Protein backbone atom coordinates (compact mmCIF):
# COMPACT_ATOMS: atom_id res chain seq x y z
CA MET A 1 -13.81 -57.04 7.77
CA HIS A 2 -10.40 -55.82 8.94
CA ASP A 3 -9.09 -55.89 12.49
CA VAL A 4 -7.91 -52.35 13.24
CA SER A 5 -5.17 -53.71 15.49
CA GLY A 6 -3.93 -56.22 12.94
CA ASP A 7 -1.75 -56.25 9.86
CA HIS A 8 -3.07 -53.05 8.31
CA ASP A 9 -0.91 -50.71 10.39
CA HIS A 10 2.19 -49.59 8.48
CA ASP A 11 5.03 -48.43 10.69
CA GLU A 12 6.66 -46.29 8.00
CA ASP A 13 3.63 -44.01 7.81
CA GLN A 14 3.44 -43.13 11.52
CA PRO A 15 5.65 -41.29 13.99
CA ASP A 16 7.71 -43.60 16.19
CA GLY A 17 5.54 -45.27 18.79
CA GLU A 18 2.27 -43.67 17.73
CA GLU A 19 1.02 -46.82 16.03
CA GLU A 20 1.35 -48.69 19.33
CA HIS A 21 -0.91 -46.28 21.18
CA PRO A 22 -4.21 -48.02 22.05
CA LEU A 23 -6.29 -45.05 20.90
CA TRP A 24 -4.48 -44.95 17.54
CA LYS A 25 -5.18 -48.65 17.03
CA LEU A 26 -8.85 -48.17 17.82
CA ASP A 27 -9.38 -45.15 15.60
CA THR A 28 -7.10 -45.77 12.60
CA ILE A 29 -7.09 -48.29 9.76
CA THR A 30 -4.48 -48.45 6.98
CA LEU A 31 -5.45 -50.27 3.79
CA THR A 32 -3.88 -51.02 0.43
CA SER A 33 -6.15 -50.35 -2.53
CA VAL A 34 -5.93 -51.21 -6.22
CA GLY A 35 -7.90 -49.66 -9.04
CA ILE A 36 -8.24 -50.85 -12.62
CA ASP A 37 -9.87 -48.61 -15.22
CA VAL A 38 -10.65 -50.34 -18.54
CA GLY A 39 -11.81 -47.77 -21.08
CA THR A 40 -12.43 -47.71 -24.82
CA ALA A 41 -8.94 -46.55 -25.67
CA THR A 42 -6.81 -46.95 -22.57
CA SER A 43 -6.45 -48.96 -19.39
CA GLN A 44 -4.72 -47.90 -16.19
CA ILE A 45 -3.82 -49.43 -12.86
CA ILE A 46 -3.20 -47.57 -9.61
CA PHE A 47 -2.21 -48.78 -6.14
CA SER A 48 -2.86 -46.54 -3.17
CA ARG A 49 -2.41 -46.58 0.57
CA LEU A 50 -5.46 -45.28 2.40
CA VAL A 51 -5.42 -44.14 6.01
CA LEU A 52 -8.90 -44.12 7.53
CA ARG A 53 -9.76 -42.46 10.82
CA ARG A 54 -12.86 -42.62 12.96
CA LEU A 55 -15.05 -39.52 13.19
CA GLY A 56 -14.70 -39.53 16.95
CA ARG A 57 -15.51 -35.84 17.35
CA GLU A 58 -18.94 -36.53 15.86
CA LEU A 59 -19.58 -39.54 18.12
CA SER A 60 -19.72 -41.67 14.97
CA SER A 61 -18.37 -45.13 14.26
CA ARG A 62 -17.83 -44.27 10.61
CA PHE A 63 -14.27 -44.31 9.29
CA VAL A 64 -13.36 -41.80 6.58
CA VAL A 65 -10.33 -41.45 4.32
CA ALA A 66 -7.95 -38.99 5.99
CA GLU A 67 -4.89 -39.60 3.82
CA ARG A 68 -4.21 -41.15 0.43
CA LYS A 69 -0.78 -41.97 -0.93
CA THR A 70 -0.17 -43.31 -4.43
CA LEU A 71 2.10 -46.35 -4.18
CA TYR A 72 2.24 -47.10 -7.90
CA LEU A 73 0.68 -45.56 -11.00
CA SER A 74 0.95 -47.58 -14.19
CA PRO A 75 1.65 -46.13 -17.60
CA VAL A 76 -1.42 -45.47 -19.72
CA HIS A 77 -1.86 -48.64 -21.81
CA PHE A 78 -3.98 -49.11 -24.90
CA THR A 79 -6.88 -51.37 -23.99
CA PRO A 80 -6.13 -54.73 -25.66
CA TYR A 81 -8.75 -56.23 -27.98
CA THR A 82 -8.92 -59.40 -30.03
CA ALA A 83 -8.31 -59.15 -33.79
CA ASN A 84 -11.96 -58.46 -34.64
CA ARG A 85 -12.28 -55.94 -31.74
CA GLU A 86 -15.49 -57.60 -30.59
CA ARG A 87 -13.93 -58.84 -27.36
CA ILE A 88 -11.47 -57.47 -24.85
CA ASP A 89 -8.32 -59.60 -24.88
CA ASP A 90 -8.54 -60.94 -21.34
CA GLN A 91 -5.12 -62.61 -21.44
CA ALA A 92 -3.36 -59.43 -22.57
CA LEU A 93 -5.27 -57.36 -20.02
CA GLY A 94 -4.38 -59.87 -17.32
CA TYR A 95 -0.73 -59.53 -18.27
CA LEU A 96 -0.87 -55.74 -17.88
CA VAL A 97 -2.52 -56.06 -14.47
CA ASP A 98 -0.16 -58.76 -13.24
CA ALA A 99 2.84 -56.74 -14.43
CA ALA A 100 1.55 -53.76 -12.45
CA TYR A 101 1.30 -55.91 -9.31
CA GLN A 102 4.88 -57.05 -9.85
CA GLU A 103 6.23 -53.55 -10.49
CA ALA A 104 4.42 -52.29 -7.39
CA GLY A 105 5.92 -55.12 -5.34
CA LEU A 106 2.48 -56.36 -4.29
CA SER A 107 0.41 -59.51 -4.58
CA PRO A 108 -3.38 -59.96 -4.40
CA ASP A 109 -2.93 -61.10 -0.81
CA ASN A 110 -1.55 -57.64 0.02
CA VAL A 111 -4.58 -55.84 -1.39
CA ASP A 112 -7.41 -55.03 0.99
CA THR A 113 -9.84 -53.42 -1.39
CA GLY A 114 -10.27 -52.04 -4.88
CA ALA A 115 -12.42 -51.71 -7.95
CA ILE A 116 -12.37 -52.59 -11.61
CA ILE A 117 -14.42 -50.16 -13.70
CA LEU A 118 -15.32 -50.67 -17.36
CA THR A 119 -16.34 -47.57 -19.29
CA GLY A 120 -17.20 -46.22 -22.73
CA GLU A 121 -17.17 -48.57 -25.70
CA ALA A 122 -15.43 -51.23 -23.59
CA ILE A 123 -18.78 -51.95 -21.92
CA ARG A 124 -20.40 -53.20 -25.12
CA ARG A 125 -17.79 -55.93 -25.67
CA ASP A 126 -19.51 -59.24 -25.06
CA ASN A 127 -17.05 -60.44 -22.42
CA ALA A 128 -16.69 -57.17 -20.51
CA ARG A 129 -18.72 -58.09 -17.43
CA ALA A 130 -17.20 -61.58 -17.25
CA ILE A 131 -13.72 -60.02 -17.25
CA ALA A 132 -14.65 -57.63 -14.44
CA GLU A 133 -15.98 -60.44 -12.26
CA LEU A 134 -13.02 -62.71 -13.05
CA PHE A 135 -10.49 -60.03 -12.12
CA ALA A 136 -12.40 -59.20 -8.97
CA ALA A 137 -12.29 -62.84 -7.91
CA GLN A 138 -8.68 -63.64 -8.84
CA ARG A 139 -6.73 -60.46 -8.20
CA GLY A 140 -8.11 -59.09 -4.95
CA ASN A 141 -11.21 -58.16 -3.00
CA PHE A 142 -12.80 -55.82 -5.56
CA VAL A 143 -15.93 -53.97 -6.26
CA CYS A 144 -16.63 -54.45 -9.97
CA ALA A 145 -18.87 -52.09 -11.87
CA SER A 146 -19.61 -51.41 -15.51
CA ALA A 147 -20.01 -47.66 -15.63
CA GLY A 148 -22.76 -46.69 -18.07
CA HIS A 149 -22.77 -43.30 -19.75
CA ASN A 150 -24.45 -41.34 -16.94
CA PHE A 151 -22.46 -43.08 -14.23
CA GLU A 152 -19.20 -42.40 -16.09
CA ALA A 153 -20.15 -38.74 -16.43
CA LEU A 154 -20.61 -38.59 -12.65
CA LEU A 155 -17.23 -40.23 -12.07
CA ALA A 156 -15.45 -37.94 -14.53
CA ALA A 157 -16.93 -34.83 -12.91
CA HIS A 158 -15.48 -35.91 -9.57
CA GLY A 159 -12.16 -37.12 -10.95
CA SER A 160 -11.51 -34.01 -13.07
CA GLY A 161 -11.93 -31.77 -10.04
CA ALA A 162 -15.08 -30.10 -11.42
CA VAL A 163 -17.13 -31.01 -8.34
CA ALA A 164 -14.47 -29.67 -5.96
CA PHE A 165 -13.98 -26.54 -8.11
CA SER A 166 -17.69 -25.74 -8.11
CA ALA A 167 -17.90 -26.28 -4.36
CA GLU A 168 -14.88 -24.11 -3.60
CA ARG A 169 -15.98 -21.28 -5.92
CA GLU A 170 -19.71 -21.75 -5.21
CA CYS A 171 -20.38 -21.69 -8.93
CA ARG A 172 -21.93 -23.65 -11.81
CA VAL A 173 -19.52 -25.66 -13.99
CA LEU A 174 -19.82 -27.78 -17.12
CA ASN A 175 -17.46 -30.77 -17.25
CA VAL A 176 -16.73 -32.11 -20.76
CA ASP A 177 -15.00 -35.50 -20.59
CA ILE A 178 -13.84 -36.77 -24.00
CA GLY A 179 -12.61 -40.33 -23.94
CA GLY A 180 -11.84 -42.90 -26.57
CA GLY A 181 -15.41 -43.73 -27.52
CA THR A 182 -17.76 -41.20 -25.96
CA THR A 183 -18.04 -37.66 -24.64
CA LYS A 184 -19.69 -37.21 -21.26
CA LEU A 185 -21.21 -33.96 -20.00
CA ALA A 186 -21.93 -33.10 -16.39
CA VAL A 187 -23.47 -29.92 -14.97
CA VAL A 188 -22.13 -29.29 -11.47
CA GLU A 189 -23.36 -26.58 -9.14
CA ARG A 190 -21.87 -25.88 -5.71
CA GLY A 191 -20.47 -29.37 -5.39
CA ARG A 192 -23.54 -31.26 -6.68
CA VAL A 193 -23.91 -32.95 -10.05
CA LEU A 194 -27.30 -31.79 -11.36
CA SER A 195 -27.45 -33.31 -14.82
CA THR A 196 -25.43 -35.71 -17.00
CA ALA A 197 -25.48 -36.76 -20.64
CA ALA A 198 -23.32 -38.51 -23.24
CA PHE A 199 -22.90 -38.60 -26.99
CA HIS A 200 -20.91 -40.57 -29.56
CA VAL A 201 -17.73 -38.57 -30.08
CA GLY A 202 -14.36 -39.99 -29.02
CA SER A 203 -10.71 -40.02 -29.94
CA ARG A 204 -10.40 -43.74 -30.62
CA LEU A 205 -13.39 -44.19 -32.92
CA LEU A 206 -10.82 -44.15 -35.72
CA ALA A 207 -7.09 -44.85 -35.79
CA THR A 208 -4.50 -45.25 -38.53
CA ASP A 209 -1.08 -46.87 -38.83
CA GLY A 210 2.15 -45.14 -39.84
CA ALA A 211 1.25 -45.41 -43.52
CA GLY A 212 -2.14 -43.74 -43.06
CA ALA A 213 -4.20 -46.93 -43.38
CA ILE A 214 -7.24 -47.27 -41.10
CA VAL A 215 -6.70 -50.00 -38.50
CA VAL A 216 -9.54 -49.10 -36.09
CA LEU A 217 -12.96 -47.91 -37.24
CA GLU A 218 -15.78 -48.15 -34.71
CA PRO A 219 -19.40 -47.85 -35.92
CA GLY A 220 -19.58 -44.38 -34.39
CA GLY A 221 -16.46 -43.31 -36.25
CA GLN A 222 -17.89 -44.57 -39.52
CA LEU A 223 -21.08 -42.56 -38.94
CA LEU A 224 -19.14 -39.37 -38.20
CA ALA A 225 -16.95 -39.87 -41.27
CA ARG A 226 -20.07 -40.21 -43.44
CA GLN A 227 -21.35 -36.91 -42.09
CA VAL A 228 -18.39 -35.15 -43.72
CA GLY A 229 -18.58 -37.17 -46.94
CA PHE A 230 -16.11 -40.00 -46.28
CA GLU A 231 -17.20 -43.61 -46.85
CA TRP A 232 -14.28 -45.26 -45.09
CA HIS A 233 -13.54 -48.87 -44.22
CA VAL A 234 -10.75 -50.62 -42.34
CA GLY A 235 -7.70 -50.78 -44.62
CA ASP A 236 -8.46 -47.57 -46.53
CA ARG A 237 -5.67 -44.99 -46.70
CA VAL A 238 -6.58 -41.50 -45.55
CA ALA A 239 -4.72 -38.21 -45.94
CA PRO A 240 -3.77 -36.00 -42.96
CA GLU A 241 -5.99 -33.19 -44.24
CA GLN A 242 -8.96 -35.58 -44.27
CA ILE A 243 -8.29 -36.52 -40.65
CA GLU A 244 -8.09 -32.83 -39.74
CA ARG A 245 -11.39 -32.19 -41.50
CA LEU A 246 -13.04 -35.02 -39.57
CA ALA A 247 -11.51 -33.81 -36.28
CA ASP A 248 -12.84 -30.30 -36.89
CA HIS A 249 -16.30 -31.80 -37.46
CA LEU A 250 -16.03 -33.68 -34.15
CA ALA A 251 -14.94 -30.53 -32.34
CA ARG A 252 -17.95 -28.64 -33.70
CA ALA A 253 -20.19 -31.51 -32.57
CA VAL A 254 -18.76 -31.38 -29.03
CA LEU A 255 -19.16 -27.62 -28.73
CA THR A 256 -22.62 -27.56 -30.31
CA LEU A 257 -24.04 -30.33 -28.09
CA ALA A 258 -22.50 -28.75 -25.00
CA ARG A 259 -23.67 -25.24 -25.84
CA ASP A 260 -26.72 -25.02 -28.11
CA GLU A 261 -30.35 -25.46 -27.12
CA LYS A 262 -31.25 -26.78 -30.61
CA PRO A 263 -28.24 -28.48 -32.24
CA ARG A 264 -28.20 -29.44 -35.91
CA PRO A 265 -30.04 -32.72 -36.66
CA GLU A 266 -26.82 -34.53 -37.66
CA PHE A 267 -25.39 -33.74 -34.24
CA GLN A 268 -28.57 -34.59 -32.36
CA GLN A 269 -28.41 -38.18 -33.63
CA LEU A 270 -25.12 -38.60 -31.75
CA TRP A 271 -26.81 -38.53 -28.32
CA LEU A 272 -26.47 -41.77 -26.35
CA THR A 273 -28.62 -40.44 -23.49
CA PRO A 274 -31.23 -37.68 -23.24
CA PRO A 275 -29.59 -34.23 -23.58
CA LEU A 276 -28.65 -32.15 -20.56
CA SER A 277 -31.54 -30.70 -18.62
CA GLY A 278 -31.66 -27.19 -17.21
CA PRO A 279 -30.30 -23.87 -18.50
CA LYS A 280 -27.02 -23.91 -20.41
CA SER A 281 -25.37 -21.19 -18.39
CA TYR A 282 -22.07 -21.72 -16.57
CA GLU A 283 -19.32 -19.81 -14.80
CA ALA A 284 -16.64 -22.15 -16.16
CA VAL A 285 -16.01 -25.16 -18.40
CA ILE A 286 -13.55 -27.96 -17.62
CA PHE A 287 -12.29 -30.48 -20.19
CA SER A 288 -11.14 -33.91 -19.09
CA GLY A 289 -10.47 -37.32 -20.60
CA GLY A 290 -7.59 -38.12 -22.92
CA VAL A 291 -8.53 -35.31 -25.32
CA GLY A 292 -8.40 -32.85 -22.43
CA GLU A 293 -4.64 -33.38 -22.33
CA TYR A 294 -4.43 -31.76 -25.79
CA VAL A 295 -6.95 -29.00 -25.05
CA TYR A 296 -4.77 -27.78 -22.16
CA GLY A 297 -1.50 -28.36 -24.03
CA LYS A 298 -0.33 -31.07 -21.63
CA GLU A 299 0.23 -33.57 -24.47
CA SER A 300 1.51 -33.07 -28.02
CA GLU A 301 2.36 -36.58 -29.22
CA SER A 302 -0.05 -38.21 -31.67
CA PHE A 303 -1.01 -41.84 -31.19
CA GLY A 304 -2.47 -42.38 -34.64
CA ASP A 305 -6.04 -41.65 -33.55
CA LEU A 306 -8.23 -38.54 -33.43
CA GLY A 307 -7.02 -37.36 -30.03
CA ALA A 308 -4.38 -34.86 -31.11
CA PRO A 309 -6.26 -33.28 -34.06
CA LEU A 310 -9.53 -33.16 -32.06
CA GLY A 311 -7.80 -31.53 -29.10
CA THR A 312 -6.09 -29.02 -31.40
CA ALA A 313 -9.40 -28.19 -33.07
CA LEU A 314 -11.12 -27.68 -29.72
CA GLN A 315 -8.27 -25.51 -28.52
CA ARG A 316 -8.58 -23.37 -31.66
CA HIS A 317 -12.36 -23.01 -31.48
CA THR A 318 -12.45 -22.19 -27.76
CA SER A 319 -9.69 -19.61 -28.22
CA ASN A 320 -11.84 -17.98 -30.90
CA GLY A 321 -14.83 -17.62 -28.59
CA ALA A 322 -16.83 -20.75 -29.48
CA LEU A 323 -17.76 -21.03 -25.79
CA ALA A 324 -19.23 -18.10 -23.89
CA TRP A 325 -17.66 -19.31 -20.65
CA PRO A 326 -13.99 -19.37 -19.57
CA LEU A 327 -11.97 -22.59 -19.38
CA ALA A 328 -10.95 -23.63 -15.87
CA PRO A 329 -8.01 -25.98 -15.26
CA ALA A 330 -8.65 -29.68 -14.78
CA ARG A 331 -7.17 -31.45 -11.80
CA GLU A 332 -6.95 -34.62 -13.88
CA CYS A 333 -7.56 -35.20 -17.60
CA ILE A 334 -6.82 -38.69 -18.89
CA ARG A 335 -7.03 -40.07 -15.36
CA ALA A 336 -10.29 -38.28 -14.51
CA THR A 337 -12.55 -41.32 -14.74
CA VAL A 338 -12.17 -43.18 -11.51
CA MET A 339 -9.38 -45.73 -11.50
CA GLY A 340 -11.01 -47.74 -8.81
CA ALA A 341 -9.22 -46.66 -5.69
CA ALA A 342 -11.54 -47.84 -2.97
CA GLN A 343 -11.94 -47.36 0.73
CA HIS A 344 -13.30 -49.68 3.34
CA THR A 345 -15.32 -48.27 6.15
CA ILE A 346 -16.81 -50.42 8.85
CA GLN A 347 -19.97 -49.55 10.69
CA VAL A 348 -22.46 -51.39 12.84
CA SER A 349 -26.17 -50.87 12.37
CA GLY A 350 -28.61 -49.89 15.06
CA ASN A 351 -30.47 -52.69 16.81
CA THR A 352 -33.90 -51.78 15.39
CA ILE A 353 -33.32 -53.72 12.17
CA TYR A 354 -36.09 -55.52 10.31
CA ARG A 355 -35.61 -58.67 8.26
CA SER A 356 -38.41 -60.77 6.88
CA ASN A 357 -36.12 -63.68 6.00
CA ASP A 358 -32.94 -64.80 7.77
CA GLU A 359 -31.47 -65.79 4.38
CA LEU A 360 -31.18 -62.13 3.41
CA LEU A 361 -27.94 -62.05 5.41
CA PRO A 362 -25.07 -62.08 4.71
CA ARG A 363 -25.06 -60.14 1.42
CA LYS A 364 -22.08 -58.89 -0.61
CA ASN A 365 -21.55 -56.00 -3.04
CA LEU A 366 -24.88 -54.21 -2.85
CA GLN A 367 -24.65 -50.94 -4.77
CA VAL A 368 -25.93 -47.98 -2.79
CA LEU A 369 -28.43 -45.52 -4.25
CA ARG A 370 -29.33 -42.48 -2.19
CA PRO A 371 -32.28 -40.74 -3.87
CA ALA A 372 -32.57 -37.07 -2.91
CA VAL A 373 -35.98 -37.50 -1.28
CA ASP A 374 -36.97 -34.68 1.06
CA LEU A 375 -38.39 -36.33 4.18
CA SER A 376 -38.31 -33.25 6.38
CA ASP A 377 -41.90 -32.01 5.99
CA ASP A 378 -45.08 -33.36 4.43
CA ILE A 379 -44.24 -36.47 2.40
CA ASP A 380 -45.73 -36.75 -1.09
CA ALA A 381 -45.83 -40.37 -2.29
CA PRO A 382 -45.69 -39.61 -6.08
CA THR A 383 -42.65 -37.36 -5.55
CA VAL A 384 -40.91 -40.10 -3.57
CA ALA A 385 -41.66 -42.61 -6.35
CA GLN A 386 -40.42 -40.36 -9.17
CA THR A 387 -37.23 -39.45 -7.30
CA ILE A 388 -36.42 -43.13 -6.77
CA LEU A 389 -37.00 -44.01 -10.44
CA SER A 390 -34.90 -41.05 -11.64
CA HIS A 391 -32.02 -42.09 -9.42
CA PHE A 392 -31.95 -45.56 -10.94
CA SER A 393 -31.70 -43.94 -14.38
CA ALA A 394 -28.87 -41.63 -13.27
CA PHE A 395 -26.77 -44.68 -12.43
CA ASP A 396 -27.70 -46.56 -15.63
CA LEU A 397 -29.58 -49.18 -13.63
CA LYS A 398 -32.93 -50.65 -14.68
CA GLU A 399 -35.30 -50.73 -11.74
CA GLY A 400 -36.40 -54.28 -11.09
CA GLU A 401 -33.29 -55.89 -12.57
CA ALA A 402 -30.66 -54.69 -10.08
CA GLU A 403 -30.51 -55.40 -6.35
CA VAL A 404 -29.47 -52.22 -4.59
CA ALA A 405 -29.54 -50.73 -1.12
CA LEU A 406 -31.80 -47.67 -1.09
CA VAL A 407 -30.63 -45.11 1.46
CA PHE A 408 -32.77 -42.36 2.93
CA ARG A 409 -32.14 -39.46 5.27
CA TRP A 410 -35.12 -39.08 7.59
CA SER A 411 -35.89 -35.88 9.40
CA GLY A 412 -38.96 -34.81 11.29
CA PRO A 413 -41.18 -36.92 13.56
CA PRO A 414 -41.81 -40.61 12.81
CA ALA A 415 -45.56 -39.98 12.64
CA ALA A 416 -47.68 -42.80 11.27
CA ILE A 417 -49.13 -40.68 8.44
CA ARG A 418 -45.64 -39.65 7.32
CA ILE A 419 -44.25 -43.19 7.40
CA ALA A 420 -47.30 -44.47 5.51
CA ALA A 421 -46.83 -41.84 2.78
CA PHE A 422 -43.17 -42.79 2.48
CA CYS A 423 -43.98 -46.51 2.24
CA ARG A 424 -46.60 -45.84 -0.43
CA GLY A 425 -44.09 -43.80 -2.48
CA LEU A 426 -41.42 -46.44 -2.03
CA MET A 427 -43.65 -49.18 -3.42
CA GLU A 428 -44.79 -46.97 -6.32
CA GLY A 429 -41.12 -46.26 -7.11
CA LEU A 430 -40.21 -49.96 -7.30
CA PRO A 431 -42.76 -51.46 -9.74
CA GLY A 432 -40.23 -53.75 -11.43
CA THR A 433 -38.86 -54.97 -8.12
CA LEU A 434 -42.36 -55.77 -6.88
CA ARG A 435 -43.12 -57.73 -10.07
CA SER A 436 -39.83 -59.66 -10.00
CA GLY A 437 -40.11 -60.56 -6.32
CA ARG A 438 -36.57 -59.37 -5.59
CA PRO A 439 -35.75 -58.46 -1.97
CA ILE A 440 -35.87 -54.80 -0.97
CA TYR A 441 -32.87 -53.47 0.98
CA LEU A 442 -33.39 -50.22 2.90
CA VAL A 443 -30.98 -48.16 5.00
CA PHE A 444 -31.88 -45.20 7.23
CA ASP A 445 -29.68 -42.86 9.23
CA GLN A 446 -32.29 -42.61 12.00
CA ASP A 447 -33.83 -45.39 14.12
CA LEU A 448 -36.65 -46.14 11.72
CA ALA A 449 -35.90 -49.52 10.13
CA GLY A 450 -38.14 -51.62 12.36
CA LEU A 451 -41.15 -49.35 11.90
CA VAL A 452 -40.83 -49.10 8.11
CA GLY A 453 -40.27 -52.82 7.66
CA THR A 454 -43.25 -53.72 9.83
CA ILE A 455 -45.59 -51.27 8.08
CA LEU A 456 -44.51 -52.40 4.60
CA LYS A 457 -45.16 -56.05 5.39
CA GLU A 458 -48.13 -55.88 7.75
CA GLU A 459 -50.01 -52.73 6.75
CA PHE A 460 -49.30 -52.65 3.01
CA GLY A 461 -49.10 -56.43 2.53
CA LEU A 462 -45.80 -56.29 0.65
CA LYS A 463 -44.96 -59.75 -0.73
CA ASN A 464 -41.25 -59.11 -1.30
CA ASP A 465 -38.72 -59.86 1.41
CA VAL A 466 -37.45 -56.76 3.21
CA LEU A 467 -34.21 -56.03 5.02
CA ALA A 468 -34.13 -52.63 6.71
CA ILE A 469 -31.25 -51.36 8.86
CA ASP A 470 -30.55 -48.00 10.43
CA GLY A 471 -27.85 -46.01 12.16
CA VAL A 472 -25.54 -46.23 9.12
CA THR A 473 -24.22 -43.35 7.01
CA LEU A 474 -23.98 -44.11 3.30
CA ARG A 475 -23.80 -42.18 0.03
CA ASP A 476 -23.92 -42.69 -3.71
CA PHE A 477 -20.83 -44.51 -5.05
CA ASP A 478 -20.76 -46.80 -1.98
CA PHE A 479 -20.97 -50.58 -2.22
CA ILE A 480 -21.73 -52.51 0.96
CA ASP A 481 -21.28 -55.97 2.40
CA LEU A 482 -23.79 -56.92 5.10
CA GLY A 483 -22.66 -59.49 7.67
CA LYS A 484 -24.64 -61.86 9.84
CA VAL A 485 -26.60 -60.49 12.77
CA LEU A 486 -24.45 -60.08 15.86
CA GLU A 487 -26.05 -61.50 18.97
CA PRO A 488 -27.03 -60.60 21.61
CA SER A 489 -26.93 -56.97 20.36
CA GLY A 490 -29.08 -57.68 17.28
CA THR A 491 -26.88 -55.42 15.11
CA VAL A 492 -25.44 -55.96 11.63
CA PRO A 493 -21.81 -55.29 10.67
CA VAL A 494 -21.63 -53.21 7.48
CA THR A 495 -18.46 -53.06 5.40
CA ILE A 496 -18.56 -50.06 3.09
CA LYS A 497 -16.48 -49.84 -0.06
CA SER A 498 -16.59 -46.37 -1.53
CA LEU A 499 -15.22 -45.04 -4.79
CA VAL A 500 -12.53 -42.59 -3.67
CA PHE A 501 -11.65 -39.51 -5.69
CA ARG A 502 -8.56 -37.43 -5.25
CA LEU A 503 -8.49 -35.74 -1.85
């Protein structure tokens, strides 16, 4: 929690005297944020200054990001691995991060918030999660998240500008994010991500040294090489024309999986998730990720991997009509996946909270899931259950193994039959949680928490502990800290840490 009248006001950002105005102090918070993105091929660090202002005109206590200024943006570093590439080199990564702090003129004590995000092939390294948690503990007050394939596709769609583009043009867009280890697809329509998918094509699945000898060969790269007749191993020398042939094969795989309803079997085996759902019809296509830099001609230097030849091949094929839809410019390419800039918002719940166990509070770093459940008319329990389960899958979370805060927007009367149908659907949508005995955390925008909690425990005989709060506005990509109950008001302070994309 940050005192809005304390050390977070920065004089250089405000007109003379404005920061001393009592109303400015009440309604404005200035925070320093750090973001660390650890991907298959590259790692990046960004420091930002976030100015948050209260939504006073909406009679809301929620603070939103009004301004964002980049204080320091690191060079794009190759993600460091140990010699056998089975582990991320935590010491080398720590050096890069500490050097960024030094170059930015900051220390962990100066950082209010932030995130470390692991993506792509970096996730499967056996020390990935331990590194995220260690960095979060030692180098600032972080949210740490390992972004699975669907989650990374969501982040890339926001970071590339595809979501904003589709909202501004009121159109349907396909975002194709090609990183070091995987390609992520996201279908975005009028500002909403409708479907995501990922497959095993990336620029850093193979890399060579100056003499043409293979120094990096991921399992996915070996599989793709076999598909074009190359049985390669680390140390083998390869000719430039062989690399170009492999890159052309990868480009065809990207375009086929993004475009065709029934791709060739050799391409279908590359899927890491179920394929995209819905019609493959778009008004525009946006490329992001490191390879996107080459597709748009922003980068020409080769780094010994497949990035340059793959980008060149994609540029050639798209120019020759391989996609039926026009290319739209990307706001960001290599920096599209979120680099962890984070915002803090502070809210206070309503006083109709429900808690079955006092030990449920305080609670830190609960990931927020906001299933798109329509609670405006008749409530269908099976639909509620299926929507909840699908939302867990969209964020690469296994229901029953992850503690999350489920957020719902309630509209319509709080009639008993409607609340009962919702509670029935909620329990059907959390079978793993019910079996494991994990607590259930619920958040509502309307004053409904007390009623729902009471009905779940007393009418439905729910054995799990329940914490339900209301009067708080949350969204997907938020992480929340819940404080102790404030007496005598009976409210709960909620610190919200949201992944922030470019404004």
